[in-house]
Amino acid sequence: MTRTLRLTTFSRPSALLAAQHRGYLEEVGLALDVEDATGSRTQMEGMLAGQWDLAHTNADNVMRFRAFGGTDLFIFLVIDRGMAQKLIVQQHVNDWEDLRGGPVGVDAPDSGYAFVLYELLRRHGLGQGDYEVIPLGATVYRLHGLQRGEINAGLLSHHHEATALDDGFHILADTREYFPTHAGVTAAATYSWAVRNEEALHGYATALFAAAKWTQCPAHHEEVVKVVAEGRGIDEDHARRLLDVEKGSRTGTISTVEDVEDSLAATASLRAEYTGSRPTDYFDAAAMRKALAAHRRSTR
């Protein structure tokens, strides 16, 4: 009997699509009801309220909500490195100084890659008082903010990057060049759900990690293109372009629990720089260990 889990996510990376359309979830008796997240705050609040079972999210979102009492949240899986975000700017922005005094878009001012944006700006001579922060929500809303002229810059994920470039906006910075060790696709749950659904949690982690390893193999590239096209309902040329951007954003793979811990520690360190408090106890490795063990068995 197949069980359907409720997933909230900001994006549909190739690993997620492969898990759905290549049978990885079916093998562990699972299916997904996927809902696009509108913002980190509503996503995390919904998780704590039991609206969804699982979340694909930025690790910093979990750290932020844990710091303010949401200790039921935890990260259980990371499948790659590289946050797949680029700083997209208006046509008139030619260098960092052109952002001084103007509005920049974020998901939320204190999470959702906001600290990544602040750090990029700081490294190029712009302090937090040198620009206006506009909270807009998820990456699609930051794209809309650019299109409406409400912001001069915003971090966009790979699946909205192509649209932004087609609209005439351009890339000022690629996060992979500045934050190469940070976690990529990250999955979270709540302890109150996980303790009652351990088999489903471990099954999902195993399926998604296996799907990720399949998509990361160069020999499968053309098959992955077909999966992305099918999963997104787009033609293969468009799918190939999205996949090329996704793969270009990846800075490394995950092979051990220590790899996960190191990638999450990088995110925690950046949060600590801006809040003065270092996150702790945000990662439970049990499901990750199960996924790694299953992958090792399958490759013997």
Foldseek 3Di string as FASTA:
>chain_A
DADEFEEEEQDCDLLNLCLAPVCLLVVLRYHYDYDYWFFLVVVLVCQLVVVGFKYWAFLQSLLVVVVVPQVQKFWADFWFWFAQKFKKFALVDDALVVQFAEEEEAQDCQDRCNLVVQVVSVVVPDHPVRYHYDHQGGQVRNLVCNVVVVGGIYIHGLVCVVVSVVVPIDTHGQCCVVQVLATYTIMMHGNVSCVVPVSSLLSVNQSSNVSSVQCPDPVCPQVSLVSQCVSVVHDSVSSNSSNVSVVVRTNTGDQDVVSVVRNSQSVQVSSCVVPVDGGPDRYDHPSVVSNNVVVVVVVD
